[in-house]
N, C-alpha and C. Protein backbone atom coordinates (compact mmCIF):
# COMPACT_ATOMS: atom_id res chain seq x y z
N MET A 1 -31.09 -50.75 -24.18
CA MET A 1 -31.26 -49.49 -23.50
C MET A 1 -31.02 -49.62 -22.01
N SER A 2 -31.43 -50.74 -21.45
CA SER A 2 -31.20 -50.93 -20.03
C SER A 2 -29.72 -51.04 -19.72
N GLY A 3 -28.92 -51.51 -20.69
CA GLY A 3 -27.47 -51.58 -20.52
C GLY A 3 -26.86 -50.20 -20.42
N ASP A 4 -27.38 -49.27 -21.25
CA ASP A 4 -26.89 -47.90 -21.20
C ASP A 4 -27.22 -47.24 -19.87
N MET A 5 -28.42 -47.51 -19.38
CA MET A 5 -28.84 -46.94 -18.10
C MET A 5 -27.97 -47.47 -16.96
N SER A 6 -27.68 -48.76 -17.01
CA SER A 6 -26.88 -49.34 -15.93
C SER A 6 -25.46 -48.79 -15.97
N ARG A 7 -24.92 -48.54 -17.19
CA ARG A 7 -23.59 -47.95 -17.30
C ARG A 7 -23.58 -46.52 -16.73
N GLN A 8 -24.61 -45.75 -17.07
CA GLN A 8 -24.70 -44.38 -16.56
C GLN A 8 -24.81 -44.37 -15.04
N LEU A 9 -25.59 -45.29 -14.51
CA LEU A 9 -25.73 -45.37 -13.06
C LEU A 9 -24.42 -45.76 -12.40
N SER A 10 -23.69 -46.69 -13.03
CA SER A 10 -22.41 -47.10 -12.43
C SER A 10 -21.41 -45.95 -12.49
N HIS A 11 -21.42 -45.18 -13.60
CA HIS A 11 -20.53 -44.01 -13.69
C HIS A 11 -20.90 -42.98 -12.64
N MET A 12 -22.19 -42.78 -12.41
CA MET A 12 -22.64 -41.82 -11.41
C MET A 12 -22.23 -42.25 -10.02
N SER A 13 -22.34 -43.54 -9.75
CA SER A 13 -21.96 -44.01 -8.42
C SER A 13 -20.45 -43.90 -8.21
N GLU A 14 -19.66 -44.14 -9.29
CA GLU A 14 -18.21 -43.98 -9.19
C GLU A 14 -17.86 -42.52 -8.94
N ALA A 15 -18.53 -41.62 -9.65
CA ALA A 15 -18.27 -40.19 -9.48
C ALA A 15 -18.62 -39.74 -8.08
N SER A 16 -19.73 -40.25 -7.55
CA SER A 16 -20.11 -39.84 -6.20
C SER A 16 -19.14 -40.41 -5.17
N SER A 17 -18.64 -41.61 -5.40
CA SER A 17 -17.67 -42.16 -4.45
C SER A 17 -16.35 -41.41 -4.55
N MET A 18 -15.99 -40.99 -5.76
CA MET A 18 -14.77 -40.20 -5.91
C MET A 18 -14.94 -38.84 -5.24
N GLY A 19 -16.14 -38.28 -5.34
CA GLY A 19 -16.41 -37.01 -4.69
C GLY A 19 -16.29 -37.12 -3.19
N SER A 20 -16.72 -38.23 -2.63
CA SER A 20 -16.60 -38.39 -1.19
C SER A 20 -15.15 -38.55 -0.79
N ASP A 21 -14.33 -39.17 -1.67
CA ASP A 21 -12.90 -39.26 -1.39
C ASP A 21 -12.28 -37.87 -1.37
N CYS A 22 -12.70 -37.03 -2.31
CA CYS A 22 -12.18 -35.66 -2.35
C CYS A 22 -12.60 -34.90 -1.10
N ASP A 23 -13.84 -35.10 -0.67
CA ASP A 23 -14.31 -34.42 0.53
C ASP A 23 -13.51 -34.83 1.74
N SER A 24 -13.21 -36.12 1.85
CA SER A 24 -12.47 -36.59 3.02
C SER A 24 -11.04 -36.06 2.99
N SER A 25 -10.44 -35.96 1.78
CA SER A 25 -9.09 -35.42 1.71
C SER A 25 -9.09 -33.93 2.05
N GLU A 26 -10.17 -33.21 1.67
CA GLU A 26 -10.27 -31.80 2.04
C GLU A 26 -10.39 -31.65 3.55
N ASP A 27 -11.17 -32.52 4.17
CA ASP A 27 -11.31 -32.49 5.62
C ASP A 27 -9.97 -32.75 6.28
N LEU A 28 -9.22 -33.71 5.73
CA LEU A 28 -7.91 -34.06 6.27
C LEU A 28 -6.96 -32.87 6.15
N ASP A 29 -7.01 -32.19 4.99
CA ASP A 29 -6.16 -31.01 4.80
C ASP A 29 -6.50 -29.92 5.81
N GLU A 30 -7.78 -29.70 6.07
CA GLU A 30 -8.19 -28.70 7.04
C GLU A 30 -7.71 -29.06 8.44
N ASP A 31 -7.80 -30.35 8.79
CA ASP A 31 -7.33 -30.78 10.11
C ASP A 31 -5.83 -30.59 10.24
N THR A 32 -5.10 -30.95 9.19
CA THR A 32 -3.64 -30.78 9.20
C THR A 32 -3.29 -29.31 9.31
N GLU A 33 -4.01 -28.48 8.57
CA GLU A 33 -3.77 -27.04 8.62
C GLU A 33 -4.01 -26.50 10.02
N LYS A 34 -5.08 -26.93 10.64
CA LYS A 34 -5.37 -26.47 11.99
C LYS A 34 -4.29 -26.91 12.97
N PHE A 35 -3.75 -28.12 12.77
CA PHE A 35 -2.74 -28.64 13.68
C PHE A 35 -1.42 -27.87 13.55
N TYR A 36 -0.99 -27.63 12.31
CA TYR A 36 0.32 -27.03 12.10
C TYR A 36 0.32 -25.50 12.12
N TYR A 37 -0.80 -24.88 11.86
CA TYR A 37 -0.83 -23.44 11.74
C TYR A 37 -1.65 -22.78 12.83
N ILE A 38 -1.45 -23.20 14.01
CA ILE A 38 -2.13 -22.59 15.15
C ILE A 38 -1.38 -21.31 15.49
N ASP A 39 -2.11 -20.26 15.77
CA ASP A 39 -1.51 -18.98 16.11
C ASP A 39 -0.90 -19.07 17.50
N THR A 40 0.42 -19.08 17.54
CA THR A 40 1.12 -19.23 18.82
C THR A 40 1.86 -17.96 19.20
N THR A 41 1.34 -16.82 18.84
CA THR A 41 2.02 -15.57 19.17
C THR A 41 1.75 -15.13 20.60
N ASP A 42 0.95 -15.88 21.33
CA ASP A 42 0.65 -15.51 22.71
C ASP A 42 1.90 -15.52 23.58
N ASP A 43 2.81 -16.46 23.32
CA ASP A 43 3.99 -16.57 24.16
C ASP A 43 5.12 -15.65 23.71
N LEU A 44 4.98 -15.00 22.57
CA LEU A 44 6.01 -14.08 22.11
C LEU A 44 5.77 -12.70 22.71
N ASP A 45 6.82 -12.05 23.08
CA ASP A 45 6.71 -10.71 23.65
C ASP A 45 7.00 -9.69 22.55
N ILE A 46 6.01 -9.47 21.71
CA ILE A 46 6.16 -8.54 20.60
C ILE A 46 5.46 -7.24 20.97
N ASP A 47 6.23 -6.18 21.03
CA ASP A 47 5.66 -4.87 21.30
C ASP A 47 5.55 -4.12 19.99
N CYS A 48 4.58 -3.26 19.91
CA CYS A 48 4.46 -2.39 18.76
C CYS A 48 5.58 -1.36 18.84
N PRO A 49 6.31 -1.17 17.75
CA PRO A 49 7.40 -0.19 17.81
C PRO A 49 6.84 1.21 18.01
N SER A 50 7.51 1.97 18.82
CA SER A 50 7.06 3.34 19.05
C SER A 50 7.59 4.24 17.94
N LYS A 51 7.02 5.40 17.84
CA LYS A 51 7.41 6.34 16.80
C LYS A 51 8.85 6.79 16.96
N THR A 52 9.32 6.85 18.19
CA THR A 52 10.66 7.35 18.44
C THR A 52 11.73 6.31 18.13
N ASP A 53 11.35 5.05 17.89
CA ASP A 53 12.33 4.02 17.54
C ASP A 53 12.88 4.22 16.13
N ASP A 54 12.12 4.85 15.26
CA ASP A 54 12.54 5.07 13.89
C ASP A 54 13.35 6.37 13.82
N PRO A 55 14.63 6.29 13.44
CA PRO A 55 15.45 7.51 13.42
C PRO A 55 15.00 8.51 12.34
N GLU A 56 14.26 8.05 11.35
CA GLU A 56 13.81 8.94 10.29
C GLU A 56 12.42 9.51 10.55
N TYR A 57 11.83 9.19 11.69
CA TYR A 57 10.49 9.67 12.00
C TYR A 57 10.53 11.12 12.47
N PHE A 58 9.61 11.89 12.02
CA PHE A 58 9.41 13.24 12.55
C PHE A 58 7.93 13.58 12.40
N GLU A 59 7.45 14.38 13.31
CA GLU A 59 6.05 14.78 13.27
C GLU A 59 5.91 15.94 12.30
N PHE A 60 4.81 15.94 11.59
CA PHE A 60 4.54 17.01 10.65
C PHE A 60 3.05 17.26 10.58
N GLU A 61 2.72 18.42 10.09
CA GLU A 61 1.33 18.78 9.88
C GLU A 61 1.20 19.27 8.44
N PRO A 62 0.37 18.64 7.64
CA PRO A 62 0.26 19.05 6.23
C PRO A 62 -0.34 20.45 6.11
N LEU A 63 0.12 21.16 5.10
CA LEU A 63 -0.38 22.51 4.85
C LEU A 63 -1.75 22.45 4.18
N GLN A 64 -2.58 23.39 4.52
CA GLN A 64 -3.85 23.56 3.82
C GLN A 64 -3.56 24.27 2.50
N LEU A 65 -4.47 24.19 1.57
CA LEU A 65 -4.27 24.78 0.25
C LEU A 65 -3.96 26.27 0.33
N ILE A 66 -4.69 26.98 1.15
CA ILE A 66 -4.48 28.43 1.28
C ILE A 66 -3.09 28.72 1.85
N GLU A 67 -2.68 27.94 2.83
CA GLU A 67 -1.35 28.13 3.43
C GLU A 67 -0.24 27.85 2.42
N ALA A 68 -0.42 26.81 1.61
CA ALA A 68 0.58 26.46 0.60
C ALA A 68 0.69 27.56 -0.45
N GLU A 69 -0.44 28.05 -0.92
CA GLU A 69 -0.43 29.14 -1.91
C GLU A 69 0.24 30.39 -1.34
N LYS A 70 -0.05 30.69 -0.09
CA LYS A 70 0.54 31.87 0.55
C LYS A 70 2.06 31.72 0.63
N MET A 71 2.52 30.55 1.02
CA MET A 71 3.96 30.31 1.15
C MET A 71 4.66 30.43 -0.21
N LEU A 72 4.07 29.86 -1.25
CA LEU A 72 4.68 29.93 -2.58
C LEU A 72 4.67 31.36 -3.12
N ASN A 73 3.58 32.07 -2.89
CA ASN A 73 3.53 33.47 -3.34
C ASN A 73 4.55 34.33 -2.61
N GLU A 74 4.81 34.04 -1.34
CA GLU A 74 5.85 34.77 -0.59
C GLU A 74 7.23 34.50 -1.18
N GLU A 75 7.47 33.25 -1.60
CA GLU A 75 8.75 32.91 -2.23
C GLU A 75 8.91 33.67 -3.55
N ILE A 76 7.84 33.73 -4.33
CA ILE A 76 7.87 34.44 -5.61
C ILE A 76 8.13 35.93 -5.38
N GLU A 77 7.43 36.51 -4.41
CA GLU A 77 7.60 37.94 -4.11
C GLU A 77 9.02 38.25 -3.64
N ALA A 78 9.57 37.40 -2.79
CA ALA A 78 10.93 37.62 -2.30
C ALA A 78 11.94 37.57 -3.45
N LEU A 79 11.73 36.63 -4.37
CA LEU A 79 12.65 36.53 -5.51
C LEU A 79 12.48 37.72 -6.46
N CYS A 80 11.26 38.18 -6.63
CA CYS A 80 11.01 39.37 -7.47
C CYS A 80 11.77 40.58 -6.93
N MET A 81 11.72 40.77 -5.64
CA MET A 81 12.39 41.92 -5.02
C MET A 81 13.90 41.77 -5.09
N LYS A 82 14.40 40.56 -4.92
CA LYS A 82 15.84 40.33 -4.90
C LYS A 82 16.46 40.49 -6.29
N LEU A 83 15.79 39.91 -7.33
CA LEU A 83 16.36 39.93 -8.68
C LEU A 83 15.77 41.03 -9.56
N LYS A 84 14.76 41.74 -9.06
CA LYS A 84 14.10 42.79 -9.83
C LYS A 84 13.54 42.24 -11.15
N VAL A 85 12.73 41.16 -11.03
CA VAL A 85 12.08 40.56 -12.20
C VAL A 85 10.57 40.51 -11.96
N HIS A 86 9.82 40.25 -13.03
CA HIS A 86 8.37 40.13 -12.92
C HIS A 86 8.01 38.83 -12.18
N PRO A 87 6.84 38.79 -11.55
CA PRO A 87 6.42 37.57 -10.84
C PRO A 87 6.36 36.33 -11.73
N SER A 88 5.97 36.50 -12.99
CA SER A 88 5.92 35.34 -13.88
C SER A 88 7.32 34.77 -14.13
N MET A 89 8.31 35.65 -14.27
CA MET A 89 9.69 35.20 -14.46
C MET A 89 10.22 34.54 -13.19
N ALA A 90 9.91 35.11 -12.04
CA ALA A 90 10.35 34.53 -10.77
C ALA A 90 9.74 33.14 -10.57
N LYS A 91 8.48 33.02 -10.91
CA LYS A 91 7.82 31.71 -10.77
C LYS A 91 8.45 30.68 -11.71
N MET A 92 8.74 31.11 -12.95
CA MET A 92 9.37 30.20 -13.90
C MET A 92 10.74 29.74 -13.40
N LEU A 93 11.52 30.68 -12.88
CA LEU A 93 12.84 30.32 -12.36
C LEU A 93 12.74 29.37 -11.16
N LEU A 94 11.80 29.64 -10.28
CA LEU A 94 11.61 28.77 -9.12
C LEU A 94 11.17 27.37 -9.54
N LEU A 95 10.26 27.31 -10.50
CA LEU A 95 9.83 26.00 -10.99
C LEU A 95 10.99 25.24 -11.62
N ARG A 96 11.80 25.94 -12.39
CA ARG A 96 12.96 25.31 -13.06
C ARG A 96 13.96 24.77 -12.06
N HIS A 97 14.10 25.43 -10.92
CA HIS A 97 15.09 25.04 -9.90
C HIS A 97 14.43 24.38 -8.69
N ASN A 98 13.26 23.77 -8.89
CA ASN A 98 12.56 23.03 -7.83
C ASN A 98 12.33 23.86 -6.57
N TRP A 99 11.97 25.11 -6.76
CA TRP A 99 11.63 26.03 -5.68
C TRP A 99 12.78 26.26 -4.70
N GLN A 100 14.01 26.10 -5.17
CA GLN A 100 15.19 26.38 -4.36
C GLN A 100 15.61 27.84 -4.62
N LYS A 101 15.08 28.74 -3.81
CA LYS A 101 15.30 30.18 -4.01
C LYS A 101 16.79 30.52 -3.96
N GLU A 102 17.53 29.93 -3.04
CA GLU A 102 18.96 30.23 -2.90
C GLU A 102 19.73 29.82 -4.15
N GLU A 103 19.33 28.72 -4.76
CA GLU A 103 19.98 28.25 -5.98
C GLU A 103 19.76 29.24 -7.12
N VAL A 104 18.57 29.79 -7.22
CA VAL A 104 18.26 30.78 -8.26
C VAL A 104 19.06 32.05 -8.02
N ILE A 105 19.14 32.48 -6.78
CA ILE A 105 19.87 33.72 -6.45
C ILE A 105 21.36 33.55 -6.72
N ASP A 106 21.92 32.37 -6.42
CA ASP A 106 23.35 32.14 -6.63
C ASP A 106 23.71 32.15 -8.11
N LYS A 107 22.82 31.74 -8.97
CA LYS A 107 23.11 31.72 -10.42
C LYS A 107 22.82 33.07 -10.96
């Protein structure tokens, strides 16, 4: 039985020594990382791009729900008057043609 205990103790000591090797390699990796990956953007002259640098940029203000409903209802009413159809038919036509009123009128 004492032989088994001594084997277990030797295995435990080997495991602890291996663990310390792993710890030292982790420390070494952290030191290497700190050496090679230092943030050196201080010497770079990087400006934040302004909004006007993007040719596709434009300012907009999103519509509120009430404003959007009002605008769509005006489109439906205009199409009703132009084609002399019921509002439900005008809405269906506008939905079918992605709310392109001119496209509906041309057809």
